[in-house]
């Protein structure tokens, strides 16, 4: 799953943003589980990308008036 750019976020519907947010959170949980067990993730830089993208989505939702809390 690729990172989202600002233009893409602006054109996405709130429902799509929610779906993408859920997918990114699941992916982050998987990677964090790998790190906790002690195995190295395939792409360690991906963690930072995912966190930034999650923050962008939450900000976009907040600006649009949607529910933008961390817990969903």
PDB file of N, CA and C in Angstrom:
ATOM      1  N   UNK A   1       0.846  -1.164   0.000  1.00  0.00           N
ATOM      2  CA  UNK A   1       0.000   0.000   0.000  1.00  0.00           C
ATOM      3  C   UNK A   1       0.901   1.239   0.000  1.00  0.00           C
ATOM      4  N   UNK A   2       0.655   2.107  -0.925  1.00  0.00           N
ATOM      5  CA  UNK A   2       1.485   3.299  -1.078  1.00  0.00           C
ATOM      6  C   UNK A   2       1.043   4.399  -0.109  1.00  0.00           C
ATOM      7  N   UNK A   3       1.972   5.302   0.152  1.00  0.00           N
ATOM      8  CA  UNK A   3       1.620   6.447   0.985  1.00  0.00           C
ATOM      9  C   UNK A   3       0.703   7.368   0.190  1.00  0.00           C
ATOM     10  N   UNK A   4      -0.060   8.164   0.897  1.00  0.00           N
ATOM     11  CA  UNK A   4      -1.009   9.066   0.242  1.00  0.00           C
ATOM     12  C   UNK A   4      -0.447  10.477   0.190  1.00  0.00           C
ATOM     13  N   UNK A   5      -0.658  11.122  -0.899  1.00  0.00           N
ATOM     14  CA  UNK A   5      -0.236  12.501  -1.057  1.00  0.00           C
ATOM     15  C   UNK A   5      -1.413  13.419  -0.708  1.00  0.00           C
ATOM     16  N   UNK A   6      -1.110  14.680  -0.494  1.00  0.00           N
ATOM     17  CA  UNK A   6      -2.131  15.644  -0.074  1.00  0.00           C
ATOM     18  C   UNK A   6      -3.267  15.742  -1.086  1.00  0.00           C
ATOM     19  N   UNK A   7      -2.926  15.760  -2.376  1.00  0.00           N
ATOM     20  CA  UNK A   7      -3.966  15.848  -3.409  1.00  0.00           C
ATOM     21  C   UNK A   7      -4.908  14.647  -3.354  1.00  0.00           C
ATOM     22  N   UNK A   8      -4.337  13.463  -3.147  1.00  0.00           N
ATOM     23  CA  UNK A   8      -5.153  12.255  -3.073  1.00  0.00           C
ATOM     24  C   UNK A   8      -6.085  12.303  -1.867  1.00  0.00           C
ATOM     25  N   UNK A   9      -5.573  12.784  -0.749  1.00  0.00           N
ATOM     26  CA  UNK A   9      -6.395  12.877   0.454  1.00  0.00           C
ATOM     27  C   UNK A   9      -7.543  13.860   0.272  1.00  0.00           C
ATOM     28  N   UNK A  10      -7.283  14.970  -0.420  1.00  0.00           N
ATOM     29  CA  UNK A  10      -8.320  15.982  -0.629  1.00  0.00           C
ATOM     30  C   UNK A  10      -9.462  15.463  -1.486  1.00  0.00           C
ATOM     31  N   UNK A  11      -9.170  14.554  -2.407  1.00  0.00           N
ATOM     32  CA  UNK A  11     -10.200  14.071  -3.320  1.00  0.00           C
ATOM     33  C   UNK A  11     -10.925  12.829  -2.809  1.00  0.00           C
ATOM     34  N   UNK A  12     -10.386  12.184  -1.777  1.00  0.00           N
ATOM     35  CA  UNK A  12     -11.005  10.960  -1.259  1.00  0.00           C
ATOM     36  C   UNK A  12     -12.243  11.267  -0.426  1.00  0.00           C
ATOM     37  N   UNK A  13     -13.190  10.367  -0.478  1.00  0.00           N
ATOM     38  CA  UNK A  13     -14.383  10.483   0.351  1.00  0.00           C
ATOM     39  C   UNK A  13     -14.038  10.037   1.770  1.00  0.00           C
ATOM     40  N   UNK A  14     -14.845  10.469   2.739  1.00  0.00           N
ATOM     41  CA  UNK A  14     -14.590  10.110   4.132  1.00  0.00           C
ATOM     42  C   UNK A  14     -14.629   8.604   4.348  1.00  0.00           C
ATOM     43  N   UNK A  15     -15.513   7.937   3.634  1.00  0.00           N
ATOM     44  CA  UNK A  15     -15.617   6.483   3.778  1.00  0.00           C
ATOM     45  C   UNK A  15     -14.326   5.802   3.325  1.00  0.00           C
ATOM     46  N   UNK A  16     -13.771   6.265   2.214  1.00  0.00           N
ATOM     47  CA  UNK A  16     -12.515   5.715   1.710  1.00  0.00           C
ATOM     48  C   UNK A  16     -11.373   6.012   2.674  1.00  0.00           C
ATOM     49  N   UNK A  17     -11.383   7.217   3.263  1.00  0.00           N
ATOM     50  CA  UNK A  17     -10.350   7.564   4.237  1.00  0.00           C
ATOM     51  C   UNK A  17     -10.413   6.629   5.444  1.00  0.00           C
ATOM     52  N   UNK A  18     -11.631   6.330   5.894  1.00  0.00           N
ATOM     53  CA  UNK A  18     -11.794   5.415   7.022  1.00  0.00           C
ATOM     54  C   UNK A  18     -11.249   4.032   6.697  1.00  0.00           C
ATOM     55  N   UNK A  19     -11.543   3.558   5.490  1.00  0.00           N
ATOM     56  CA  UNK A  19     -11.059   2.245   5.074  1.00  0.00           C
ATOM     57  C   UNK A  19      -9.536   2.220   5.016  1.00  0.00           C
ATOM     58  N   UNK A  20      -8.944   3.261   4.449  1.00  0.00           N
ATOM     59  CA  UNK A  20      -7.488   3.339   4.326  1.00  0.00           C
ATOM     60  C   UNK A  20      -6.845   3.423   5.703  1.00  0.00           C
ATOM     61  N   UNK A  21      -7.473   4.188   6.606  1.00  0.00           N
ATOM     62  CA  UNK A  21      -6.979   4.330   7.962  1.00  0.00           C
ATOM     63  C   UNK A  21      -6.959   2.978   8.675  1.00  0.00           C
ATOM     64  N   UNK A  22      -8.018   2.225   8.521  1.00  0.00           N
ATOM     65  CA  UNK A  22      -8.111   0.909   9.141  1.00  0.00           C
ATOM     66  C   UNK A  22      -7.026  -0.022   8.596  1.00  0.00           C
ATOM     67  N   UNK A  23      -6.820  -0.016   7.282  1.00  0.00           N
ATOM     68  CA  UNK A  23      -5.794  -0.850   6.670  1.00  0.00           C
ATOM     69  C   UNK A  23      -4.396  -0.481   7.165  1.00  0.00           C
ATOM     70  N   UNK A  24      -4.126   0.811   7.253  1.00  0.00           N
ATOM     71  CA  UNK A  24      -2.812   1.258   7.711  1.00  0.00           C
ATOM     72  C   UNK A  24      -2.574   0.883   9.171  1.00  0.00           C
ATOM     73  N   UNK A  25      -3.593   0.998   9.982  1.00  0.00           N
ATOM     74  CA  UNK A  25      -3.453   0.625  11.394  1.00  0.00           C
ATOM     75  C   UNK A  25      -3.183  -0.865  11.547  1.00  0.00           C
ATOM     76  N   UNK A  26      -3.863  -1.688  10.739  1.00  0.00           N
ATOM     77  CA  UNK A  26      -3.627  -3.131  10.780  1.00  0.00           C
ATOM     78  C   UNK A  26      -2.196  -3.453  10.366  1.00  0.00           C
ATOM     79  N   UNK A  27      -1.731  -2.787   9.319  1.00  0.00           N
ATOM     80  CA  UNK A  27      -0.367  -3.008   8.850  1.00  0.00           C
ATOM     81  C   UNK A  27       0.652  -2.592   9.916  1.00  0.00           C
ATOM     82  N   UNK A  28       0.393  -1.475  10.575  1.00  0.00           N
ATOM     83  CA  UNK A  28       1.292  -0.998  11.625  1.00  0.00           C
ATOM     84  C   UNK A  28       1.324  -1.976  12.798  1.00  0.00           C
ATOM     85  N   UNK A  29       0.191  -2.541  13.139  1.00  0.00           N
ATOM     86  CA  UNK A  29       0.140  -3.523  14.222  1.00  0.00           C
ATOM     87  C   UNK A  29       0.976  -4.749  13.867  1.00  0.00           C
ATOM     88  N   UNK A  30       0.876  -5.212  12.621  1.00  0.00           N
ATOM     89  CA  UNK A  30       1.662  -6.365  12.187  1.00  0.00           C
ATOM     90  C   UNK A  30       3.160  -6.085  12.282  1.00  0.00           C
ATOM     91  N   UNK A  31       3.560  -4.911  11.808  1.00  0.00           N
ATOM     92  CA  UNK A  31       4.981  -4.562  11.838  1.00  0.00           C
ATOM     93  C   UNK A  31       5.464  -4.421  13.276  1.00  0.00           C
ATOM     94  N   UNK A  32       4.668  -3.792  14.134  1.00  0.00           N
ATOM     95  CA  UNK A  32       5.061  -3.631  15.530  1.00  0.00           C
ATOM     96  C   UNK A  32       5.150  -4.980  16.235  1.00  0.00           C
ATOM     97  N   UNK A  33       4.303  -5.929  15.857  1.00  0.00           N
ATOM     98  CA  UNK A  33       4.371  -7.276  16.430  1.00  0.00           C
ATOM     99  C   UNK A  33       5.686  -7.954  16.028  1.00  0.00           C
ATOM    100  N   UNK A  34       6.091  -7.771  14.774  1.00  0.00           N
ATOM    101  CA  UNK A  34       7.365  -8.330  14.314  1.00  0.00           C
ATOM    102  C   UNK A  34       8.520  -7.759  15.127  1.00  0.00           C
ATOM    103  N   UNK A  35       8.494  -6.455  15.345  1.00  0.00           N
ATOM    104  CA  UNK A  35       9.557  -5.799  16.099  1.00  0.00           C
ATOM    105  C   UNK A  35       9.568  -6.300  17.547  1.00  0.00           C
ATOM    106  N   UNK A  36       8.393  -6.477  18.133  1.00  0.00           N
ATOM    107  CA  UNK A  36       8.291  -6.918  19.518  1.00  0.00           C
ATOM    108  C   UNK A  36       8.841  -8.334  19.698  1.00  0.00           C
ATOM    109  N   UNK A  37       8.635  -9.168  18.693  1.00  0.00           N
ATOM    110  CA  UNK A  37       9.122 -10.547  18.753  1.00  0.00           C
ATOM    111  C   UNK A  37      10.633 -10.583  18.565  1.00  0.00           C
ATOM    112  N   UNK A  38      11.162  -9.602  17.874  1.00  0.00           N
ATOM    113  CA  UNK A  38      12.596  -9.536  17.682  1.00  0.00           C
ATOM    114  C   UNK A  38      13.039  -9.717  16.242  1.00  0.00           C
ATOM    115  N   UNK A  39      12.104  -9.959  15.347  1.00  0.00           N
ATOM    116  CA  UNK A  39      12.473 -10.080  13.937  1.00  0.00           C
ATOM    117  C   UNK A  39      12.488  -8.698  13.305  1.00  0.00           C
ATOM    118  N   UNK A  40      13.354  -8.536  12.356  1.00  0.00           N
ATOM    119  CA  UNK A  40      13.428  -7.255  11.656  1.00  0.00           C
ATOM    120  C   UNK A  40      12.366  -7.199  10.573  1.00  0.00           C
ATOM    121  N   UNK A  41      11.653  -6.085  10.467  1.00  0.00           N
ATOM    122  CA  UNK A  41      10.678  -5.952   9.386  1.00  0.00           C
ATOM    123  C   UNK A  41      11.389  -5.855   8.039  1.00  0.00           C
ATOM    124  N   UNK A  42      10.675  -6.193   6.979  1.00  0.00           N
ATOM    125  CA  UNK A  42      11.259  -6.145   5.637  1.00  0.00           C
ATOM    126  C   UNK A  42      11.752  -4.744   5.304  1.00  0.00           C
ATOM    127  N   UNK A  43      10.949  -3.743   5.647  1.00  0.00           N
ATOM    128  CA  UNK A  43      11.292  -2.367   5.335  1.00  0.00           C
ATOM    129  C   UNK A  43      11.092  -1.512   6.595  1.00  0.00           C
ATOM    130  N   UNK A  44      12.148  -1.297   7.368  1.00  0.00           N
ATOM    131  CA  UNK A  44      12.001  -0.535   8.610  1.00  0.00           C
ATOM    132  C   UNK A  44      11.516   0.897   8.402  1.00  0.00           C
ATOM    133  N   UNK A  45      11.806   1.497   7.265  1.00  0.00           N
ATOM    134  CA  UNK A  45      11.354   2.855   6.981  1.00  0.00           C
ATOM    135  C   UNK A  45       9.859   2.947   6.772  1.00  0.00           C
ATOM    136  N   UNK A  46       9.242   1.821   6.532  1.00  0.00           N
ATOM    137  CA  UNK A  46       7.794   1.775   6.296  1.00  0.00           C
ATOM    138  C   UNK A  46       7.016   2.207   7.540  1.00  0.00           C
ATOM    139  N   UNK A  47       7.561   1.944   8.718  1.00  0.00           N
ATOM    140  CA  UNK A  47       6.883   2.314   9.959  1.00  0.00           C
ATOM    141  C   UNK A  47       6.651   3.819   9.997  1.00  0.00           C
ATOM    142  N   UNK A  48       7.679   4.573   9.673  1.00  0.00           N
ATOM    143  CA  UNK A  48       7.581   6.031   9.676  1.00  0.00           C
ATOM    144  C   UNK A  48       6.576   6.513   8.628  1.00  0.00           C
ATOM    145  N   UNK A  49       6.599   5.901   7.448  1.00  0.00           N
ATOM    146  CA  UNK A  49       5.653   6.272   6.395  1.00  0.00           C
ATOM    147  C   UNK A  49       4.221   6.041   6.836  1.00  0.00           C
ATOM    148  N   UNK A  50       3.976   4.891   7.452  1.00  0.00           N
ATOM    149  CA  UNK A  50       2.623   4.557   7.891  1.00  0.00           C
ATOM    150  C   UNK A  50       2.140   5.543   8.947  1.00  0.00           C
ATOM    151  N   UNK A  51       2.999   5.845   9.920  1.00  0.00           N
ATOM    152  CA  UNK A  51       2.604   6.778  10.977  1.00  0.00           C
ATOM    153  C   UNK A  51       2.286   8.159  10.414  1.00  0.00           C
ATOM    154  N   UNK A  52       3.100   8.621   9.479  1.00  0.00           N
ATOM    155  CA  UNK A  52       2.852   9.928   8.868  1.00  0.00           C
ATOM    156  C   UNK A  52       1.544   9.927   8.086  1.00  0.00           C
ATOM    157  N   UNK A  53       1.291   8.851   7.354  1.00  0.00           N
ATOM    158  CA  UNK A  53       0.069   8.772   6.556  1.00  0.00           C
ATOM    159  C   UNK A  53      -1.159   8.733   7.454  1.00  0.00           C
ATOM    160  N   UNK A  54      -1.081   8.002   8.559  1.00  0.00           N
ATOM    161  CA  UNK A  54      -2.191   7.959   9.516  1.00  0.00           C
ATOM    162  C   UNK A  54      -2.467   9.372  10.045  1.00  0.00           C
ATOM    163  N   UNK A  55      -1.415  10.101  10.374  1.00  0.00           N
ATOM    164  CA  UNK A  55      -1.580  11.471  10.876  1.00  0.00           C
ATOM    165  C   UNK A  55      -2.215  12.365   9.814  1.00  0.00           C
ATOM    166  N   UNK A  56      -1.801  12.201   8.559  1.00  0.00           N
ATOM    167  CA  UNK A  56      -2.385  12.999   7.476  1.00  0.00           C
ATOM    168  C   UNK A  56      -3.875  12.716   7.329  1.00  0.00           C
ATOM    169  N   UNK A  57      -4.244  11.437   7.405  1.00  0.00           N
ATOM    170  CA  UNK A  57      -5.653  11.063   7.264  1.00  0.00           C
ATOM    171  C   UNK A  57      -6.469  11.641   8.413  1.00  0.00           C
ATOM    172  N   UNK A  58      -5.958  11.513   9.640  1.00  0.00           N
ATOM    173  CA  UNK A  58      -6.688  12.045  10.794  1.00  0.00           C
ATOM    174  C   UNK A  58      -6.847  13.557  10.703  1.00  0.00           C
ATOM    175  N   UNK A  59      -5.824  14.242  10.222  1.00  0.00           N
ATOM    176  CA  UNK A  59      -5.902  15.688  10.051  1.00  0.00           C
ATOM    177  C   UNK A  59      -6.937  16.048   9.001  1.00  0.00           C
ATOM    178  N   UNK A  60      -6.933  15.325   7.894  1.00  0.00           N
ATOM    179  CA  UNK A  60      -7.882  15.585   6.815  1.00  0.00           C
ATOM    180  C   UNK A  60      -9.321  15.375   7.296  1.00  0.00           C
ATOM    181  N   UNK A  61      -9.532  14.315   8.075  1.00  0.00           N
ATOM    182  CA  UNK A  61     -10.867  14.049   8.596  1.00  0.00           C
ATOM    183  C   UNK A  61     -11.311  15.150   9.544  1.00  0.00           C
ATOM    184  N   UNK A  62     -10.384  15.629  10.363  1.00  0.00           N
ATOM    185  CA  UNK A  62     -10.713  16.688  11.311  1.00  0.00           C
ATOM    186  C   UNK A  62     -11.069  17.984  10.581  1.00  0.00           C
ATOM    187  N   UNK A  63     -10.328  18.295   9.533  1.00  0.00           N
ATOM    188  CA  UNK A  63     -10.592  19.504   8.756  1.00  0.00           C
ATOM    189  C   UNK A  63     -11.949  19.444   8.063  1.00  0.00           C
ATOM    190  N   UNK A  64     -12.339  18.265   7.648  1.00  0.00           N
ATOM    191  CA  UNK A  64     -13.627  18.104   6.965  1.00  0.00           C
ATOM    192  C   UNK A  64     -14.796  18.016   7.938  1.00  0.00           C
ATOM    193  N   UNK A  65     -14.505  17.926   9.205  1.00  0.00           N
ATOM    194  CA  UNK A  65     -15.583  17.841  10.192  1.00  0.00           C
ATOM    195  C   UNK A  65     -15.956  16.428  10.530  1.00  0.00           C
ATOM    196  N   UNK A  66     -15.234  15.469  10.011  1.00  0.00           N
ATOM    197  CA  UNK A  66     -15.492  14.077  10.356  1.00  0.00           C
ATOM    198  C   UNK A  66     -14.865  13.746  11.691  1.00  0.00           C
ATOM    199  N   UNK A  67     -15.141  12.578  12.178  1.00  0.00           N
ATOM    200  CA  UNK A  67     -14.570  12.154  13.443  1.00  0.00           C
ATOM    201  C   UNK A  67     -13.103  11.875  13.217  1.00  0.00           C
ATOM    202  N   UNK A  68     -12.223  12.593  13.891  1.00  0.00           N
ATOM    203  CA  UNK A  68     -10.801  12.485  13.632  1.00  0.00           C
ATOM    204  C   UNK A  68      -9.995  12.053  14.838  1.00  0.00           C
ATOM    205  N   UNK A  69     -10.616  11.318  15.754  1.00  0.00           N
ATOM    206  CA  UNK A  69      -9.870  10.925  16.934  1.00  0.00           C
ATOM    207  C   UNK A  69      -8.919   9.772  16.619  1.00  0.00           C
ATOM    208  N   UNK A  70      -7.989   9.561  17.489  1.00  0.00           N
ATOM    209  CA  UNK A  70      -6.993   8.513  17.279  1.00  0.00           C
ATOM    210  C   UNK A  70      -7.631   7.144  17.346  1.00  0.00           C
ATOM    211  N   UNK A  71      -8.638   6.964  18.169  1.00  0.00           N
ATOM    212  CA  UNK A  71      -9.256   5.661  18.339  1.00  0.00           C
ATOM    213  C   UNK A  71     -10.293   5.351  17.269  1.00  0.00           C
ATOM    214  N   UNK A  72     -10.482   6.220  16.337  1.00  0.00           N
ATOM    215  CA  UNK A  72     -11.392   5.943  15.240  1.00  0.00           C
ATOM    216  C   UNK A  72     -12.699   6.568  15.449  1.00  0.00           C
TER     217      UNK A  72
END
